[in-house]
Amino acid sequence: MNLKTFFQTRNALLLTLLSLSFLASPMQADDTPSLAIPVSDDGLPGEGPIRRYDWFKNLWLKKRTGWADLIEQEQNSVVFLGDSITQGWNDSFRGHFKHLKKSNRGISGDTTRGVLIRMQEDVISLNPSGIVLLIGTNDLEEGARPRVIAGNVNLILKKLQNHRADMPIILCKVFPSDSSKKRPVSSIKQINEHLQNLAKDYPQVTLLDTWALFANAEGNAKSEEFPDLLHPNDQGYTMWAASLRPLLATAGFIETTQDIFRLEKGFVSLFNGRNLDGWGLRDMKSMMLKSDFSGETTSSDGRYQVINGRIVVTTPAESHRIQQMWTTRNFPENFILKLEFRATPNADSGVFIRRPQLQCRDYSLAGPYKDLKRYKPQDWNELVIEVRGNSAHCTCNGEVLEDAFQLPETGPIGLEGDRGQMEYRRIRLKRLQ
């Protein structure tokens, strides 16, 4: 081999080695992180599948490259994070959450591990004010076990917690799909059980029951909301948006002004909209008052919070946690009680009238009044309870719940929290002759 040939061969070899080194490295030549999918799983966090189909690699790089130019203008936004279902909000969010600063960081086809490895550039760099997370369904299609999926979600939550421990996170349960999509009911239920357990370890995480919101009697997606049994249509996104609003409001992202309401003639307010004056805890056996919350904006157990004219009974970390708050006075007279309530999907609660409980829930999912025509899921609904003697006539938005609800001679008014988030406002009472 002559000298010229030697140098040509050497230079070609060096270029080849340099190219291979570049492809294998997560860093670009200018020491900035590569936005392309890593060529192998070596050294990557988490377990399970990372998709590397050509269409997905191209979409991944296109989306992430475009987002890199938006980092400055999307600082402190609420980040919606996930896969094609999240991407399907589009940049316009289909007209929802108009006054919320938000960013869409969904990539069609992504998995929990894919989300995990793009957290820094796509999410943390935005210094988000909050997170809405839905991820995991594509892992099932790739054969991942529910335990592995939940393990990756746990790592995602840890990254978010390490960034800012008090940042509100709404963790959505994996939506129902269908076994024909390699997403059987049993596997999705297992993932969601793991997510329920994970939520207990993160005080800033609120679990939203988006599975019950969409599942049919068999636990699968409904074609009227999921035409392909995987992706929601406009109706599905409208339902998802409605389910998120109460939690976004509780986190302080929307509905940030005080509720303004004028009392009707003859009514007195049982809740002044500013604090818990007139409310407290009672001993459940004797019904004697144990503590008075007057002047407080949060109950001693932390479950009841006054936020912009609403009493919010927050979502418990456990699946269920029954707690009650009561008026400090009793009501032996005849009266009309009016109030409005709003419930997240499948939430369970109650309103106590002199002690007996009138079920106050997300009626369409949790019952017992599932056939109401005027009930508005995840929106405000009015209860009107007319008490005469030992009986109460109870309606919701004008529809009868109980025609003759039996009561004792006297007792306080109570509000319960059990499953999900419940809110109450405009609580007022009028004495009757």
Protein backbone atom coordinates (compact mmCIF):
# COMPACT_ATOMS: atom_id res chain seq x y z
CA MET A 1 0.00 0.00 0.00
CA ASN A 2 1.48 3.38 -1.01
CA LEU A 3 1.48 6.38 1.32
CA LYS A 4 -1.41 8.16 -0.42
CA THR A 5 -3.64 5.08 -0.20
CA PHE A 6 -2.71 4.63 3.46
CA PHE A 7 -3.84 8.15 4.42
CA GLN A 8 -7.07 7.85 2.40
CA THR A 9 -7.91 4.58 4.13
CA ARG A 10 -7.06 5.99 7.54
CA ASN A 11 -9.18 9.10 7.06
CA ALA A 12 -12.18 7.10 5.87
CA LEU A 13 -11.88 4.85 8.91
CA LEU A 14 -11.72 7.84 11.27
CA LEU A 15 -14.84 9.38 9.70
CA THR A 16 -16.70 6.11 10.06
CA LEU A 17 -15.73 5.80 13.73
CA LEU A 18 -16.71 9.41 14.38
CA SER A 19 -20.12 8.86 12.79
CA LEU A 20 -20.73 5.74 14.85
CA SER A 21 -19.71 7.57 18.01
CA PHE A 22 -22.15 10.39 17.22
CA LEU A 23 -25.05 8.01 16.66
CA ALA A 24 -24.40 6.13 19.88
CA SER A 25 -24.11 9.28 22.00
CA PRO A 26 -27.09 11.10 23.55
CA MET A 27 -25.17 14.36 23.07
CA GLN A 28 -24.70 16.38 19.94
CA ALA A 29 -21.41 17.90 18.85
CA ASP A 30 -22.20 21.15 20.71
CA ASP A 31 -22.78 19.22 23.95
CA THR A 32 -26.56 19.78 23.87
CA PRO A 33 -28.81 16.75 24.40
CA SER A 34 -29.89 14.93 21.27
CA LEU A 35 -33.62 15.08 20.60
CA ALA A 36 -33.55 11.87 18.56
CA ILE A 37 -34.50 8.51 20.01
CA PRO A 38 -31.38 6.81 21.44
CA VAL A 39 -30.21 3.99 19.21
CA SER A 40 -30.20 1.48 22.08
CA ASP A 41 -31.63 1.05 25.57
CA ASP A 42 -28.17 0.92 27.16
CA GLY A 43 -27.92 3.27 30.10
CA LEU A 44 -31.48 4.55 29.79
CA PRO A 45 -33.72 4.84 32.88
CA GLY A 46 -36.77 2.66 33.37
CA GLU A 47 -37.83 -0.63 31.88
CA GLY A 48 -39.96 -1.81 29.02
CA PRO A 49 -40.50 -0.76 25.42
CA ILE A 50 -39.17 2.27 23.58
CA ARG A 51 -40.61 2.42 20.10
CA ARG A 52 -38.20 2.77 17.18
CA TYR A 53 -40.44 2.37 14.14
CA ASP A 54 -39.43 4.75 11.35
CA TRP A 55 -42.69 6.72 11.52
CA PHE A 56 -42.31 7.12 15.27
CA LYS A 57 -38.66 8.17 15.15
CA ASN A 58 -39.54 10.84 12.60
CA LEU A 59 -42.52 12.11 14.62
CA TRP A 60 -40.53 12.07 17.87
CA LEU A 61 -37.73 14.17 16.38
CA LYS A 62 -40.11 16.56 14.59
CA LYS A 63 -42.21 17.21 17.69
CA ARG A 64 -39.27 17.65 20.04
CA THR A 65 -37.34 19.88 17.65
CA GLY A 66 -40.36 22.14 17.29
CA TRP A 67 -40.88 22.30 21.05
CA ALA A 68 -37.25 23.31 21.61
CA ASP A 69 -38.07 26.66 19.97
CA LEU A 70 -40.99 27.24 22.37
CA ILE A 71 -39.20 26.81 25.69
CA GLU A 72 -39.04 30.50 26.54
CA GLN A 73 -42.60 31.42 25.60
CA GLU A 74 -44.12 28.37 27.33
CA GLN A 75 -42.43 28.89 30.70
CA ASN A 76 -44.63 28.17 33.76
CA SER A 77 -47.39 26.59 31.72
CA VAL A 78 -49.52 23.61 32.74
CA VAL A 79 -48.00 20.76 30.74
CA PHE A 80 -50.24 18.05 29.31
CA LEU A 81 -47.96 15.04 28.95
CA GLY A 82 -48.55 11.72 27.24
CA ASP A 83 -49.09 9.91 23.94
CA SER A 84 -51.49 10.24 20.99
CA ILE A 85 -54.48 10.82 23.27
CA THR A 86 -52.74 13.87 24.71
CA GLN A 87 -51.42 14.91 21.29
CA GLY A 88 -55.04 14.77 20.14
CA TRP A 89 -55.85 17.87 22.19
CA ASN A 90 -53.92 19.67 19.43
CA ASP A 91 -52.21 22.97 20.10
CA SER A 92 -55.64 24.64 20.34
CA PHE A 93 -56.82 22.17 22.99
CA ARG A 94 -60.04 21.95 20.96
CA GLY A 95 -61.23 25.24 22.42
CA HIS A 96 -61.01 24.11 26.07
CA PHE A 97 -59.19 25.87 28.94
CA LYS A 98 -59.07 29.16 27.02
CA HIS A 99 -57.65 31.25 29.88
CA LEU A 100 -55.14 28.64 31.05
CA LYS A 101 -51.49 28.88 30.01
CA LYS A 102 -50.84 25.37 28.78
CA SER A 103 -48.48 23.29 26.66
CA ASN A 104 -49.12 20.04 24.80
CA ARG A 105 -46.28 17.54 25.15
CA GLY A 106 -48.02 14.45 23.80
CA ILE A 107 -46.36 12.31 21.13
CA SER A 108 -48.45 9.78 19.26
CA GLY A 109 -47.23 6.25 19.94
CA ASP A 110 -45.16 7.11 23.00
CA THR A 111 -44.69 4.80 25.96
CA THR A 112 -44.02 5.42 29.65
CA ARG A 113 -40.32 4.86 29.12
CA GLY A 114 -40.32 7.18 26.14
CA VAL A 115 -41.86 9.93 28.25
CA LEU A 116 -39.36 9.23 31.01
CA ILE A 117 -36.30 9.79 28.83
CA ARG A 118 -37.61 13.07 27.38
CA MET A 119 -38.61 14.67 30.68
CA GLN A 120 -35.78 17.18 30.99
CA GLU A 121 -35.99 18.81 27.56
CA ASP A 122 -39.75 18.56 26.98
CA VAL A 123 -41.10 19.20 30.47
CA ILE A 124 -38.66 20.27 33.19
CA SER A 125 -37.13 22.94 30.94
CA LEU A 126 -40.51 24.70 30.94
CA ASN A 127 -40.53 25.07 34.74
CA PRO A 128 -44.16 23.92 34.61
CA SER A 129 -46.70 25.25 37.07
CA GLY A 130 -48.60 21.95 36.89
CA ILE A 131 -48.84 18.64 35.04
CA VAL A 132 -51.68 16.61 33.53
CA LEU A 133 -50.29 13.12 32.90
CA LEU A 134 -51.90 10.28 30.93
CA ILE A 135 -49.63 7.49 29.71
CA GLY A 136 -49.38 3.70 29.56
CA THR A 137 -51.79 2.36 26.95
CA ASN A 138 -49.14 1.91 24.23
CA ASP A 139 -46.94 -0.07 26.59
CA LEU A 140 -49.66 -2.73 26.68
CA GLU A 141 -49.67 -3.03 22.90
CA GLU A 142 -45.91 -3.65 23.08
CA GLY A 143 -46.38 -6.39 25.68
CA ALA A 144 -45.23 -4.55 28.82
CA ARG A 145 -46.50 -5.82 32.17
CA PRO A 146 -48.61 -3.49 34.35
CA ARG A 147 -45.94 -3.56 37.06
CA VAL A 148 -43.31 -2.29 34.61
CA ILE A 149 -45.63 0.44 33.34
CA ALA A 150 -46.36 1.65 36.86
CA GLY A 151 -42.66 1.54 37.70
CA ASN A 152 -41.91 3.96 34.87
CA VAL A 153 -44.75 6.26 35.96
CA ASN A 154 -43.21 6.24 39.43
CA LEU A 155 -39.89 7.41 37.98
CA ILE A 156 -41.67 10.15 36.04
CA LEU A 157 -43.35 11.35 39.25
CA LYS A 158 -40.02 11.29 41.07
CA LYS A 159 -38.45 13.50 38.43
CA LEU A 160 -41.32 15.95 38.72
CA GLN A 161 -41.15 15.89 42.51
CA ASN A 162 -37.40 16.48 42.49
CA HIS A 163 -37.94 19.47 40.22
CA ARG A 164 -40.61 21.02 42.46
CA ALA A 165 -42.12 19.15 45.35
CA ASP A 166 -45.29 21.26 45.57
CA MET A 167 -46.14 21.30 41.86
CA PRO A 168 -49.73 20.03 41.37
CA ILE A 169 -49.92 16.87 39.26
CA ILE A 170 -53.18 15.43 37.93
CA LEU A 171 -52.54 11.76 37.20
CA CYS A 172 -55.24 10.36 34.90
CA LYS A 173 -56.12 6.70 35.08
CA VAL A 174 -55.45 4.85 31.82
CA PHE A 175 -58.51 5.09 29.60
CA PRO A 176 -60.47 1.95 28.69
CA SER A 177 -59.83 0.45 25.27
CA ASP A 178 -60.49 -3.07 23.97
CA SER A 179 -58.80 -6.45 23.79
CA SER A 180 -58.89 -6.17 19.98
CA LYS A 181 -56.37 -3.34 20.45
CA LYS A 182 -54.16 -5.55 22.66
CA ARG A 183 -55.38 -3.57 25.65
CA PRO A 184 -57.56 -5.93 27.70
CA VAL A 185 -59.71 -4.72 30.59
CA SER A 186 -57.85 -6.78 33.17
CA SER A 187 -54.47 -5.27 32.30
CA ILE A 188 -55.76 -1.69 32.32
CA LYS A 189 -57.39 -2.29 35.70
CA GLN A 190 -54.08 -3.61 37.06
CA ILE A 191 -52.23 -0.50 35.84
CA ASN A 192 -54.81 1.76 37.44
CA GLU A 193 -54.60 -0.13 40.74
CA HIS A 194 -50.84 0.48 40.70
CA LEU A 195 -51.43 4.17 39.96
CA GLN A 196 -53.83 4.39 42.91
CA ASN A 197 -51.11 3.02 45.17
CA LEU A 198 -48.50 5.36 43.69
CA ALA A 199 -50.63 8.42 44.38
CA LYS A 200 -50.41 7.73 48.12
CA ASP A 201 -46.67 8.44 48.05
CA TYR A 202 -46.93 11.85 46.40
CA PRO A 203 -48.85 14.56 48.29
CA GLN A 204 -48.94 16.79 45.20
CA VAL A 205 -50.53 14.08 43.01
CA THR A 206 -54.31 13.88 42.54
CA LEU A 207 -55.59 10.75 40.81
CA LEU A 208 -58.47 11.37 38.40
CA ASP A 209 -60.79 8.45 37.65
CA THR A 210 -60.84 8.77 33.88
CA TRP A 211 -61.33 5.02 33.57
CA ALA A 212 -64.77 5.06 35.22
CA LEU A 213 -65.59 8.17 33.22
CA PHE A 214 -65.34 6.30 29.91
CA ALA A 215 -65.75 2.56 30.59
CA ASN A 216 -68.90 0.68 29.57
CA ALA A 217 -70.46 -2.09 31.67
CA GLU A 218 -67.81 -4.56 30.49
CA GLY A 219 -64.96 -2.13 31.16
CA ASN A 220 -64.23 -1.34 27.52
CA ALA A 221 -64.29 1.94 25.59
CA LYS A 222 -67.62 3.03 24.10
CA SER A 223 -67.70 3.54 20.35
CA GLU A 224 -69.76 6.73 20.65
CA GLU A 225 -66.82 8.35 22.48
CA PHE A 226 -63.93 6.24 21.08
CA PRO A 227 -64.76 5.38 17.45
CA ASP A 228 -61.59 3.29 17.05
CA LEU A 229 -61.84 2.02 20.66
CA LEU A 230 -58.59 3.83 21.50
CA HIS A 231 -58.76 7.56 20.72
CA PRO A 232 -61.53 9.89 21.98
CA ASN A 233 -63.56 11.98 19.57
CA ASP A 234 -64.81 15.53 20.28
CA GLN A 235 -67.37 14.18 22.72
CA GLY A 236 -64.67 12.26 24.57
CA TYR A 237 -62.37 15.27 24.81
CA THR A 238 -65.26 17.41 26.06
CA MET A 239 -65.91 14.88 28.83
CA TRP A 240 -62.21 14.72 29.71
CA ALA A 241 -62.01 18.51 29.82
CA ALA A 242 -65.03 18.69 32.14
CA SER A 243 -63.49 16.14 34.48
CA LEU A 244 -60.26 18.14 34.70
CA ARG A 245 -61.83 21.53 35.43
CA PRO A 246 -62.67 20.95 39.12
CA LEU A 247 -59.11 19.78 39.83
CA LEU A 248 -57.54 22.61 37.83
CA ALA A 249 -59.71 25.00 39.85
CA THR A 250 -58.63 23.47 43.15
CA ALA A 251 -54.98 23.81 42.08
CA GLY A 252 -55.59 27.51 41.41
CA PHE A 253 -55.15 27.45 37.64
CA ILE A 254 -58.72 28.40 36.69
CA GLU A 255 -61.82 29.86 38.41
CA THR A 256 -59.55 32.15 40.40
CA THR A 257 -62.12 34.83 41.28
CA GLN A 258 -64.53 34.78 44.19
CA ASP A 259 -67.97 33.25 43.55
CA ILE A 260 -70.51 36.05 43.54
CA PHE A 261 -74.02 35.13 44.66
CA ARG A 262 -76.98 37.15 45.95
CA LEU A 263 -79.18 35.49 48.56
CA GLU A 264 -82.87 35.15 47.81
CA LYS A 265 -85.33 36.90 50.11
CA GLY A 266 -85.75 35.11 53.42
CA PHE A 267 -82.63 32.96 53.10
CA VAL A 268 -79.58 33.11 55.37
CA SER A 269 -76.16 31.80 54.40
CA LEU A 270 -74.67 28.77 56.14
CA PHE A 271 -71.35 29.39 54.37
CA ASN A 272 -69.98 32.90 53.95
CA GLY A 273 -67.61 31.95 51.11
CA ARG A 274 -64.52 33.18 52.99
CA ASN A 275 -63.97 30.77 55.88
CA LEU A 276 -65.55 27.92 57.82
CA ASP A 277 -67.49 30.04 60.31
CA GLY A 278 -70.37 27.99 61.70
CA TRP A 279 -68.81 24.62 60.87
CA GLY A 280 -66.82 22.05 62.83
CA LEU A 281 -66.33 18.41 63.80
CA ARG A 282 -68.77 16.36 65.88
CA ASP A 283 -68.51 13.13 67.81
CA MET A 284 -70.27 10.59 65.63
CA LYS A 285 -71.92 8.78 68.55
CA SER A 286 -73.11 11.64 70.72
CA MET A 287 -73.13 14.25 67.91
CA MET A 288 -71.61 16.68 70.40
CA LEU A 289 -69.42 19.40 68.88
CA LYS A 290 -65.73 18.48 69.18
CA SER A 291 -64.09 21.42 67.46
CA ASP A 292 -65.13 24.70 65.85
CA PHE A 293 -63.54 25.79 62.52
CA SER A 294 -64.68 29.42 62.80
CA GLY A 295 -62.13 31.78 61.27
CA GLU A 296 -60.31 28.91 59.55
CA THR A 297 -60.06 28.36 55.80
CA THR A 298 -59.00 24.72 56.15
CA SER A 299 -60.38 22.05 58.47
CA SER A 300 -58.09 20.60 61.12
CA ASP A 301 -57.82 17.35 59.15
CA GLY A 302 -56.92 19.27 55.97
CA ARG A 303 -59.69 17.67 53.94
CA TYR A 304 -62.03 20.67 53.67
CA GLN A 305 -60.68 23.84 52.08
CA VAL A 306 -62.31 27.18 51.29
CA ILE A 307 -61.30 28.25 47.78
CA ASN A 308 -62.91 31.26 46.07
CA GLY A 309 -66.35 30.81 47.56
CA ARG A 310 -66.35 27.01 47.42
CA ILE A 311 -65.96 24.35 50.10
CA VAL A 312 -63.68 21.82 48.45
CA VAL A 313 -63.54 18.31 49.87
CA THR A 314 -60.27 17.19 48.35
CA THR A 315 -59.52 13.82 46.76
CA PRO A 316 -58.12 11.41 49.37
CA ALA A 317 -54.80 9.72 48.66
CA GLU A 318 -56.54 6.44 49.45
CA SER A 319 -59.33 5.18 47.25
CA HIS A 320 -61.83 5.99 50.02
CA ARG A 321 -61.64 8.09 53.17
CA ILE A 322 -64.90 9.04 54.88
CA GLN A 323 -64.88 12.37 56.73
CA GLN A 324 -67.69 14.68 57.78
CA MET A 325 -68.00 18.35 58.63
CA TRP A 326 -71.06 19.70 60.43
CA THR A 327 -72.78 22.96 61.24
CA THR A 328 -72.20 24.09 64.81
CA ARG A 329 -75.95 24.58 65.35
CA ASN A 330 -78.95 22.26 65.09
CA PHE A 331 -82.12 22.80 63.04
CA PRO A 332 -85.37 21.70 64.75
CA GLU A 333 -87.58 24.02 62.69
CA ASN A 334 -89.09 23.50 59.25
CA PHE A 335 -86.81 24.87 56.54
CA ILE A 336 -85.71 24.88 52.92
CA LEU A 337 -82.03 24.10 52.38
CA LYS A 338 -80.44 24.99 49.05
CA LEU A 339 -76.91 24.33 47.90
CA GLU A 340 -74.90 23.54 44.77
CA PHE A 341 -72.41 20.71 44.38
CA ARG A 342 -69.86 19.58 41.81
CA ALA A 343 -68.29 16.12 41.68
CA THR A 344 -65.33 14.65 39.82
CA PRO A 345 -65.98 11.35 37.94
CA ASN A 346 -67.36 8.63 40.19
CA ALA A 347 -67.00 10.81 43.31
CA ASP A 348 -68.98 9.68 46.36
CA SER A 349 -70.20 11.93 49.15
CA GLY A 350 -73.34 12.96 51.00
CA VAL A 351 -75.34 15.76 52.60
CA PHE A 352 -76.55 15.06 56.14
CA ILE A 353 -79.92 16.45 57.17
CA ARG A 354 -80.28 16.41 60.96
CA ARG A 355 -78.01 13.34 60.69
CA PRO A 356 -79.50 10.97 58.03
CA GLN A 357 -77.48 11.05 54.82
CA LEU A 358 -78.86 12.04 51.44
CA GLN A 359 -76.47 10.58 48.87
CA CYS A 360 -74.74 13.40 47.01
CA ARG A 361 -72.46 11.97 44.33
CA ASP A 362 -71.49 11.93 40.70
CA TYR A 363 -74.93 10.44 40.18
CA SER A 364 -74.44 9.30 36.57
CA LEU A 365 -71.57 6.98 37.56
CA ALA A 366 -71.84 6.41 41.30
CA GLY A 367 -75.63 6.37 41.59
CA PRO A 368 -78.01 5.78 43.20
CA TYR A 369 -79.97 8.21 41.00
CA LYS A 370 -78.51 7.21 37.65
CA ASP A 371 -81.54 8.04 35.52
CA LEU A 372 -81.67 11.78 36.18
CA LYS A 373 -82.21 13.77 32.98
CA ARG A 374 -80.97 17.13 34.26
CA TYR A 375 -77.88 16.10 36.18
CA LYS A 376 -74.74 17.79 34.77
CA PRO A 377 -71.61 15.63 35.19
CA GLN A 378 -68.59 17.51 36.54
CA ASP A 379 -70.61 20.73 36.61
CA TRP A 380 -72.64 22.55 39.24
CA ASN A 381 -75.96 21.03 40.28
CA GLU A 382 -78.50 22.39 42.76
CA LEU A 383 -80.01 20.42 45.64
CA VAL A 384 -83.23 21.75 47.17
CA ILE A 385 -84.32 20.05 50.39
CA GLU A 386 -87.63 21.06 51.96
CA VAL A 387 -88.02 19.82 55.52
CA ARG A 388 -91.42 19.70 57.20
CA GLY A 389 -91.69 17.85 60.47
CA ASN A 390 -89.90 14.52 60.17
CA SER A 391 -89.86 14.35 56.38
CA ALA A 392 -87.85 15.98 53.59
CA HIS A 393 -88.66 16.43 49.90
CA CYS A 394 -85.33 16.38 48.01
CA THR A 395 -84.63 17.39 44.40
CA CYS A 396 -81.61 17.81 42.14
CA ASN A 397 -82.04 20.44 39.42
CA GLY A 398 -85.78 20.05 39.94
CA GLU A 399 -85.91 16.24 39.65
CA VAL A 400 -87.08 14.30 42.69
CA LEU A 401 -84.44 12.29 44.54
CA GLU A 402 -86.50 11.45 47.63
CA ASP A 403 -90.16 12.35 48.06
CA ALA A 404 -90.39 11.67 51.81
CA PHE A 405 -86.91 11.32 53.30
CA GLN A 406 -87.36 10.41 56.98
CA LEU A 407 -85.63 12.58 59.59
CA PRO A 408 -85.34 12.94 63.38
CA GLU A 409 -86.79 15.90 65.27
CA THR A 410 -83.61 17.98 65.15
CA GLY A 411 -79.93 17.86 64.23
CA PRO A 412 -77.20 19.65 62.28
CA ILE A 413 -76.40 19.88 58.57
CA GLY A 414 -73.34 17.94 57.43
CA LEU A 415 -71.15 17.58 54.37
CA GLU A 416 -69.27 14.36 53.70
CA GLY A 417 -66.20 13.47 51.70
CA ASP A 418 -65.48 9.91 50.66
CA ARG A 419 -64.19 9.14 47.14
CA GLY A 420 -62.99 11.68 44.61
CA GLN A 421 -63.33 15.45 44.96
CA MET A 422 -66.59 17.10 46.01
CA GLU A 423 -67.33 20.83 46.09
CA TYR A 424 -70.15 22.75 47.72
CA ARG A 425 -71.18 26.40 47.38
CA ARG A 426 -74.11 28.79 47.91
CA ILE A 427 -75.29 26.90 51.01
CA ARG A 428 -78.32 28.73 52.37
CA LEU A 429 -81.40 28.09 54.45
CA LYS A 430 -84.84 29.60 54.86
CA ARG A 431 -87.04 28.95 57.87
CA LEU A 432 -90.62 27.88 57.18
CA GLN A 433 -93.71 28.28 59.32
